[in-house]
Amino acid sequence: MSEVNELVRTAAAMVAPGKGILAADESIGTMSSRLEKAGVAPTEENRRAYREMLVTTPGLAVGVSGVILCDETFGQSFSDGRPFPVGIAEAGILPGIKVDTGAKPLAGTPGETVTEGLDGLRERLARYAALGARFAKWRAVIAIGDGRPSYRARRANAHALARYAALCHEAGIVPIVEPEVLMDGTHQVSHCASATSMTLGEVVAELLDFEVRLDGIVLKPNMVVPGKDSGQTVTPEHVARSTVGTLRTVIPDLVAGIAFLSGGQGAAQATANLNAMHGQEAPWPLTFSFGRALVDPALAAWRGRADRVADGQRALAHRVGCNSAALEGKYTDELEYERVV
């Protein structure tokens, strides 16, 4: 029972008031590509230095409850020799780990994928827990368009998410359950709402079948937005109503919290949409688990230079501050242009 209570406490801490989750778990290939675009050599050391720059930002724990890392970073150390999970925990932040191995083509469903990584997951989770992981993340990818998402794709990904979540609880780790309905496409916001509702319905059904404790998980869904090539423009208030309304139809009140992904939205747009959520009545805490929408400005400011670490950290602190303000409905356009000191 004490282990169950610890899971529930950790899940609650991940969605604590005023705090969100920093996703710094890009794969080696993705991170190397982003470094190259920023003019930084895509080496293992530069990937390590970039993540250290992020997670050692002064005062980060004020607005960030947890940091998601990839396997490479989880096994690396700060420049002072402390392992990443140790250094993050000592800063008052929960260390997390991405455990899926990526989305692969799903047989019989052209254009759709299923996320893999269940083989050997029990042993990997035990190792991560021993190294200090308090939570984990698994991302399913759901596409819209040309008859997608299919029932087969929704069911396959929901089943994998539930098996992953059950294994996390067995290991004493809180699972972030991330079914992302992609922005890619020409679909209208109403189509995103229906695809999101169907996907989340499958996920909840599988979680219940596996008897996963809902107060010991954090759900990381997409916001309900139009496809990025749809030409449709919607207000943050529309996004908030559509998103929370969709969630309320399918997500049980027992879920510990909702941490929205940014899903390719621009940094300011994701924050404005998050801010509008504050005006919606919801039975769970609503927060953020952003990646690029938090870290892209920091990477651009840092550019791999030791003398620009403080610049990168100020850029990250500014984005975290904007999103923390949004959680209270206090985000404004003016905050975007305040001088970061």
Protein backbone atom coordinates (compact mmCIF):
# COMPACT_ATOMS: atom_id res chain seq x y z
CA MET A 1 0.00 0.00 0.00
CA SER A 2 2.87 2.40 0.72
CA GLU A 3 4.15 1.90 -2.84
CA VAL A 4 0.70 2.74 -4.21
CA ASN A 5 0.51 5.86 -2.06
CA GLU A 6 3.95 6.93 -3.29
CA LEU A 7 2.81 6.60 -6.90
CA VAL A 8 -0.23 8.75 -6.20
CA ARG A 9 1.91 11.37 -4.41
CA THR A 10 4.40 11.48 -7.26
CA ALA A 11 1.65 11.85 -9.86
CA ALA A 12 0.15 14.71 -7.85
CA ALA A 13 3.56 16.38 -7.57
CA MET A 14 3.99 16.21 -11.36
CA VAL A 15 0.89 18.35 -11.85
CA ALA A 16 1.37 20.60 -8.81
CA PRO A 17 -0.12 24.11 -9.09
CA GLY A 18 1.96 26.48 -11.19
CA LYS A 19 4.28 23.76 -12.49
CA GLY A 20 4.67 21.84 -15.73
CA ILE A 21 6.93 19.14 -17.13
CA LEU A 22 9.93 19.84 -19.36
CA ALA A 23 10.28 17.34 -22.21
CA ALA A 24 14.00 17.13 -23.02
CA ASP A 25 13.83 13.58 -24.33
CA GLU A 26 14.53 13.97 -28.04
CA SER A 27 16.17 10.92 -29.60
CA ILE A 28 19.84 11.06 -30.56
CA GLY A 29 18.90 11.54 -34.22
CA THR A 30 16.34 14.28 -33.58
CA MET A 31 18.57 16.14 -31.13
CA SER A 32 21.58 15.93 -33.46
CA SER A 33 19.49 17.38 -36.28
CA ARG A 34 18.36 20.29 -34.11
CA LEU A 35 21.90 20.98 -32.98
CA GLU A 36 23.10 21.06 -36.59
CA LYS A 37 20.37 23.52 -37.54
CA ALA A 38 21.53 25.74 -34.67
CA GLY A 39 25.13 25.59 -35.90
CA VAL A 40 26.28 23.19 -33.18
CA ALA A 41 28.27 20.04 -33.91
CA PRO A 42 25.97 17.04 -33.23
CA THR A 43 28.31 15.23 -30.85
CA GLU A 44 27.50 13.22 -27.74
CA GLU A 45 29.23 15.83 -25.60
CA ASN A 46 27.23 18.68 -27.12
CA ARG A 47 24.00 16.79 -26.55
CA ARG A 48 25.04 16.32 -22.94
CA ALA A 49 26.08 19.96 -22.52
CA TYR A 50 22.81 21.17 -24.02
CA ARG A 51 20.71 19.10 -21.60
CA GLU A 52 22.90 20.21 -18.67
CA MET A 53 22.40 23.84 -19.69
CA LEU A 54 18.63 23.31 -19.59
CA VAL A 55 18.24 21.41 -16.34
CA THR A 56 20.68 23.57 -14.34
CA THR A 57 18.73 26.74 -15.11
CA PRO A 58 18.56 28.70 -11.83
CA GLY A 59 15.14 28.51 -10.21
CA LEU A 60 13.85 25.95 -12.71
CA ALA A 61 12.03 24.04 -9.96
CA VAL A 62 9.74 27.04 -9.39
CA GLY A 63 7.88 26.29 -12.63
CA VAL A 64 8.98 22.77 -13.56
CA SER A 65 7.98 19.67 -11.60
CA GLY A 66 9.78 17.09 -13.70
CA VAL A 67 12.17 16.65 -16.62
CA ILE A 68 11.86 13.85 -19.20
CA LEU A 69 15.20 12.58 -20.49
CA CYS A 70 16.16 10.06 -23.15
CA ASP A 71 18.24 6.97 -22.37
CA GLU A 72 21.51 8.56 -23.47
CA THR A 73 21.15 11.56 -21.17
CA PHE A 74 19.85 9.49 -18.27
CA GLY A 75 23.17 7.65 -18.23
CA GLN A 76 25.31 10.78 -18.52
CA SER A 77 26.62 13.12 -15.82
CA PHE A 78 26.84 16.84 -15.19
CA SER A 79 30.22 18.45 -15.71
CA ASP A 80 30.75 18.21 -11.93
CA GLY A 81 30.38 14.42 -12.06
CA ARG A 82 26.84 14.06 -10.69
CA PRO A 83 24.63 11.70 -12.71
CA PHE A 84 21.77 13.54 -14.42
CA PRO A 85 19.03 11.89 -12.31
CA VAL A 86 20.90 12.82 -9.13
CA GLY A 87 21.55 16.41 -10.14
CA ILE A 88 17.95 16.92 -11.24
CA ALA A 89 16.58 15.46 -8.00
CA GLU A 90 18.92 17.63 -5.93
CA ALA A 91 17.46 20.67 -7.71
CA GLY A 92 14.01 19.69 -6.42
CA ILE A 93 12.78 18.31 -9.75
CA LEU A 94 11.54 14.78 -10.52
CA PRO A 95 13.70 12.83 -13.01
CA GLY A 96 11.79 11.07 -15.79
CA ILE A 97 12.71 8.78 -18.67
CA LYS A 98 11.31 8.13 -22.14
CA VAL A 99 11.02 4.37 -22.54
CA ASP A 100 9.38 3.73 -25.92
CA THR A 101 11.56 2.96 -28.94
CA GLY A 102 9.57 4.94 -31.46
CA ALA A 103 6.64 4.64 -33.83
CA LYS A 104 6.91 1.94 -36.52
CA PRO A 105 4.60 1.16 -39.48
CA LEU A 106 1.55 -0.83 -38.41
CA ALA A 107 0.98 -3.87 -40.61
CA GLY A 108 -2.16 -3.69 -42.70
CA THR A 109 -2.78 0.03 -42.11
CA PRO A 110 -0.87 2.16 -44.64
CA GLY A 111 0.18 5.52 -43.22
CA GLU A 112 -0.39 4.52 -39.59
CA THR A 113 2.01 3.44 -36.88
CA VAL A 114 2.25 1.64 -33.57
CA THR A 115 4.80 2.56 -30.93
CA GLU A 116 7.20 -0.21 -29.97
CA GLY A 117 9.41 -0.88 -26.96
CA LEU A 118 7.53 -3.38 -24.81
CA ASP A 119 10.12 -6.13 -25.23
CA GLY A 120 12.41 -6.03 -22.20
CA LEU A 121 10.56 -3.06 -20.74
CA ARG A 122 10.11 -4.64 -17.28
CA GLU A 123 13.88 -4.99 -16.91
CA ARG A 124 14.60 -1.52 -18.28
CA LEU A 125 12.10 0.08 -15.91
CA ALA A 126 13.71 -1.69 -12.95
CA ARG A 127 17.09 -0.33 -14.02
CA TYR A 128 15.76 3.19 -14.48
CA ALA A 129 14.03 3.09 -11.10
CA ALA A 130 17.29 2.02 -9.46
CA LEU A 131 19.01 5.00 -11.11
CA GLY A 132 16.43 7.41 -9.72
CA ALA A 133 13.60 7.62 -12.29
CA ARG A 134 10.34 8.72 -10.69
CA PHE A 135 8.24 8.68 -13.83
CA ALA A 136 8.36 7.53 -17.46
CA LYS A 137 6.87 8.48 -20.80
CA TRP A 138 5.50 6.55 -23.79
CA ARG A 139 4.22 8.36 -26.89
CA ALA A 140 1.69 6.97 -29.33
CA VAL A 141 1.26 8.75 -32.66
CA ILE A 142 -2.19 9.01 -34.26
CA ALA A 143 -2.58 10.48 -37.76
CA ILE A 144 -5.69 12.10 -39.26
CA GLY A 145 -6.69 11.88 -42.94
CA ASP A 146 -7.85 9.45 -45.64
CA GLY A 147 -9.83 7.26 -43.26
CA ARG A 148 -7.37 7.69 -40.42
CA PRO A 149 -7.24 7.10 -37.56
CA SER A 150 -8.44 3.55 -38.06
CA TYR A 151 -9.85 1.44 -35.26
CA ARG A 152 -6.89 -0.93 -35.66
CA ALA A 153 -4.34 1.85 -35.11
CA ARG A 154 -6.23 3.32 -32.17
CA ARG A 155 -6.62 -0.09 -30.52
CA ALA A 156 -3.03 -1.20 -31.09
CA ASN A 157 -1.59 1.99 -29.62
CA ALA A 158 -4.03 2.07 -26.71
CA HIS A 159 -3.16 -1.54 -25.86
CA ALA A 160 0.57 -0.76 -25.88
CA LEU A 161 0.05 2.32 -23.69
CA ALA A 162 -1.90 0.28 -21.14
CA ARG A 163 0.69 -2.50 -21.00
CA TYR A 164 3.40 0.13 -20.55
CA ALA A 165 1.45 1.88 -17.78
CA ALA A 166 0.88 -1.38 -15.90
CA LEU A 167 4.59 -2.21 -16.08
CA CYS A 168 5.48 1.27 -14.81
CA HIS A 169 3.28 0.81 -11.74
CA GLU A 170 4.84 -2.60 -11.14
CA ALA A 171 8.24 -0.86 -11.09
CA GLY A 172 7.04 1.94 -8.79
CA ILE A 173 7.19 4.55 -11.55
CA VAL A 174 4.42 6.95 -12.60
CA PRO A 175 3.56 6.61 -16.32
CA ILE A 176 2.94 9.59 -18.54
CA VAL A 177 0.41 8.24 -21.05
CA GLU A 178 0.81 10.20 -24.29
CA PRO A 179 -1.60 9.52 -27.17
CA GLU A 180 -0.83 12.34 -29.62
CA VAL A 181 -3.27 13.08 -32.42
CA LEU A 182 -1.01 14.89 -34.85
CA MET A 183 -1.53 18.41 -36.21
CA ASP A 184 -0.26 17.31 -39.62
CA GLY A 185 -2.93 17.58 -42.30
CA THR A 186 -5.75 19.70 -43.66
CA HIS A 187 -8.43 18.63 -41.18
CA GLN A 188 -10.74 21.06 -39.38
CA VAL A 189 -10.76 21.47 -35.61
CA SER A 190 -13.98 19.43 -35.38
CA HIS A 191 -12.23 16.46 -37.02
CA CYS A 192 -9.41 16.73 -34.49
CA ALA A 193 -11.99 16.71 -31.69
CA SER A 194 -13.65 13.52 -32.93
CA ALA A 195 -10.31 11.75 -33.56
CA THR A 196 -9.07 12.78 -30.13
CA SER A 197 -12.26 11.59 -28.46
CA MET A 198 -12.14 8.19 -30.17
CA THR A 199 -8.44 7.75 -29.39
CA LEU A 200 -8.76 8.68 -25.73
CA GLY A 201 -11.81 6.45 -25.39
CA GLU A 202 -9.74 3.47 -26.56
CA VAL A 203 -6.89 4.40 -24.21
CA VAL A 204 -9.16 4.67 -21.17
CA ALA A 205 -10.83 1.35 -21.98
CA GLU A 206 -7.45 -0.42 -22.18
CA LEU A 207 -6.19 1.21 -18.98
CA LEU A 208 -9.28 0.00 -17.15
CA ASP A 209 -8.92 -3.50 -18.62
CA PHE A 210 -5.37 -3.63 -17.25
CA GLU A 211 -6.59 -2.27 -13.88
CA VAL A 212 -4.16 0.63 -14.02
CA ARG A 213 -4.73 3.08 -11.15
CA LEU A 214 -5.87 6.27 -12.81
CA ASP A 215 -4.81 8.45 -9.86
CA GLY A 216 -1.27 7.19 -10.46
CA ILE A 217 -0.95 8.31 -14.09
CA VAL A 218 -0.56 11.63 -15.89
CA LEU A 219 -2.26 11.91 -19.27
CA LYS A 220 -0.38 13.85 -21.97
CA PRO A 221 -2.83 14.53 -24.81
CA ASN A 222 -2.80 16.95 -27.71
CA MET A 223 -4.83 20.12 -27.63
CA VAL A 224 -7.78 20.10 -30.03
CA VAL A 225 -6.56 22.29 -32.88
CA PRO A 226 -7.05 22.40 -36.67
CA GLY A 227 -4.56 20.75 -39.01
CA LYS A 228 -1.59 22.97 -39.70
CA ASP A 229 -2.41 23.00 -43.44
CA SER A 230 -6.17 23.47 -43.02
CA GLY A 231 -6.18 27.24 -43.32
CA GLN A 232 -8.61 27.35 -40.41
CA THR A 233 -7.96 29.90 -37.68
CA VAL A 234 -9.43 29.45 -34.21
CA THR A 235 -9.08 31.50 -31.06
CA PRO A 236 -7.40 30.22 -27.89
CA GLU A 237 -10.84 30.27 -26.27
CA HIS A 238 -12.16 27.98 -29.00
CA VAL A 239 -9.21 25.62 -28.52
CA ALA A 240 -9.78 25.60 -24.76
CA ARG A 241 -13.50 24.86 -25.03
CA SER A 242 -12.99 22.14 -27.64
CA THR A 243 -10.10 20.54 -25.76
CA VAL A 244 -11.57 20.47 -22.27
CA GLY A 245 -15.01 19.59 -23.60
CA THR A 246 -13.57 16.63 -25.50
CA LEU A 247 -11.60 15.43 -22.48
CA ARG A 248 -14.57 15.69 -20.16
CA THR A 249 -16.59 13.30 -22.33
CA VAL A 250 -14.05 10.45 -22.07
CA ILE A 251 -11.50 10.98 -19.26
CA PRO A 252 -12.51 9.80 -15.77
CA ASP A 253 -12.23 12.29 -12.94
CA LEU A 254 -9.78 9.99 -11.13
CA VAL A 255 -6.89 10.71 -13.52
CA ALA A 256 -4.18 12.53 -11.55
CA GLY A 257 -3.75 15.31 -14.09
CA ILE A 258 -3.57 16.44 -17.71
CA ALA A 259 -0.23 17.74 -19.06
CA PHE A 260 -0.78 19.00 -22.60
CA LEU A 261 1.82 18.53 -25.31
CA SER A 262 2.54 21.42 -27.65
CA GLY A 263 2.49 19.22 -30.75
CA GLY A 264 4.34 21.55 -33.11
CA GLN A 265 2.45 24.71 -32.17
CA GLY A 266 4.49 27.88 -31.96
CA ALA A 267 5.73 28.67 -28.47
CA ALA A 268 3.50 31.71 -27.94
CA GLN A 269 0.45 30.00 -29.47
CA ALA A 270 0.78 26.96 -27.22
CA THR A 271 1.04 29.24 -24.20
CA ALA A 272 -1.95 31.34 -25.24
CA ASN A 273 -4.04 28.19 -25.69
CA LEU A 274 -2.89 26.91 -22.31
CA ASN A 275 -3.83 30.24 -20.74
CA ALA A 276 -7.37 29.96 -22.11
CA MET A 277 -7.75 26.54 -20.44
CA HIS A 278 -7.77 28.35 -17.09
CA GLY A 279 -11.29 29.57 -17.78
CA GLN A 280 -12.63 26.04 -18.30
CA GLU A 281 -14.10 23.94 -15.51
CA ALA A 282 -12.20 20.65 -15.26
CA PRO A 283 -12.05 17.88 -12.64
CA TRP A 284 -8.28 17.39 -13.03
CA PRO A 285 -5.28 19.73 -12.80
CA LEU A 286 -4.37 21.10 -16.25
CA THR A 287 -0.74 21.83 -17.00
CA PHE A 288 1.90 21.54 -19.74
CA SER A 289 4.53 19.07 -20.83
CA PHE A 290 6.20 20.97 -23.64
CA GLY A 291 9.36 20.21 -25.56
CA ARG A 292 10.15 22.50 -28.47
CA ALA A 293 7.74 25.16 -27.20
CA LEU A 294 10.01 25.52 -24.16
CA VAL A 295 13.50 24.70 -25.37
CA ASP A 296 13.80 26.06 -28.92
CA PRO A 297 14.49 29.63 -27.73
CA ALA A 298 17.10 28.28 -25.29
CA LEU A 299 18.91 26.37 -28.03
CA ALA A 300 18.89 29.41 -30.30
CA ALA A 301 20.34 31.57 -27.52
CA TRP A 302 22.97 29.04 -26.40
CA ARG A 303 24.31 27.90 -29.80
CA GLY A 304 26.77 25.52 -28.18
CA ARG A 305 28.93 28.23 -26.62
CA ALA A 306 30.10 28.03 -23.03
CA ASP A 307 29.94 31.82 -22.73
CA ARG A 308 26.25 31.76 -23.74
CA VAL A 309 24.98 29.21 -21.18
CA ALA A 310 23.38 31.99 -19.14
CA ASP A 311 21.64 33.32 -22.28
CA GLY A 312 20.15 29.92 -22.99
CA GLN A 313 19.02 29.55 -19.41
CA ARG A 314 17.37 32.97 -19.38
CA ALA A 315 15.49 32.05 -22.56
CA LEU A 316 14.24 28.83 -20.96
CA ALA A 317 13.34 30.57 -17.70
CA HIS A 318 11.33 33.11 -19.67
CA ARG A 319 9.30 30.45 -21.48
CA VAL A 320 8.72 28.53 -18.26
CA GLY A 321 7.59 31.76 -16.59
CA CYS A 322 5.13 32.50 -19.40
CA ASN A 323 3.62 29.03 -19.13
CA SER A 324 3.48 29.14 -15.33
CA ALA A 325 1.56 32.43 -15.66
CA ALA A 326 -0.77 30.73 -18.17
CA LEU A 327 -1.66 28.07 -15.60
CA GLU A 328 -3.20 30.87 -13.54
CA GLY A 329 -4.79 32.63 -16.51
CA LYS A 330 -2.29 35.49 -16.14
CA TYR A 331 -0.42 35.18 -19.43
CA THR A 332 -0.51 38.25 -21.67
CA ASP A 333 1.16 39.29 -24.92
CA GLU A 334 3.19 41.77 -22.91
CA LEU A 335 4.89 38.93 -21.05
CA GLU A 336 6.37 37.74 -24.33
CA TYR A 337 8.25 40.99 -24.74
CA GLU A 338 9.34 41.64 -21.20
CA ARG A 339 13.09 41.93 -20.89
CA VAL A 340 14.60 38.75 -19.50
CA VAL A 341 17.17 39.70 -16.86
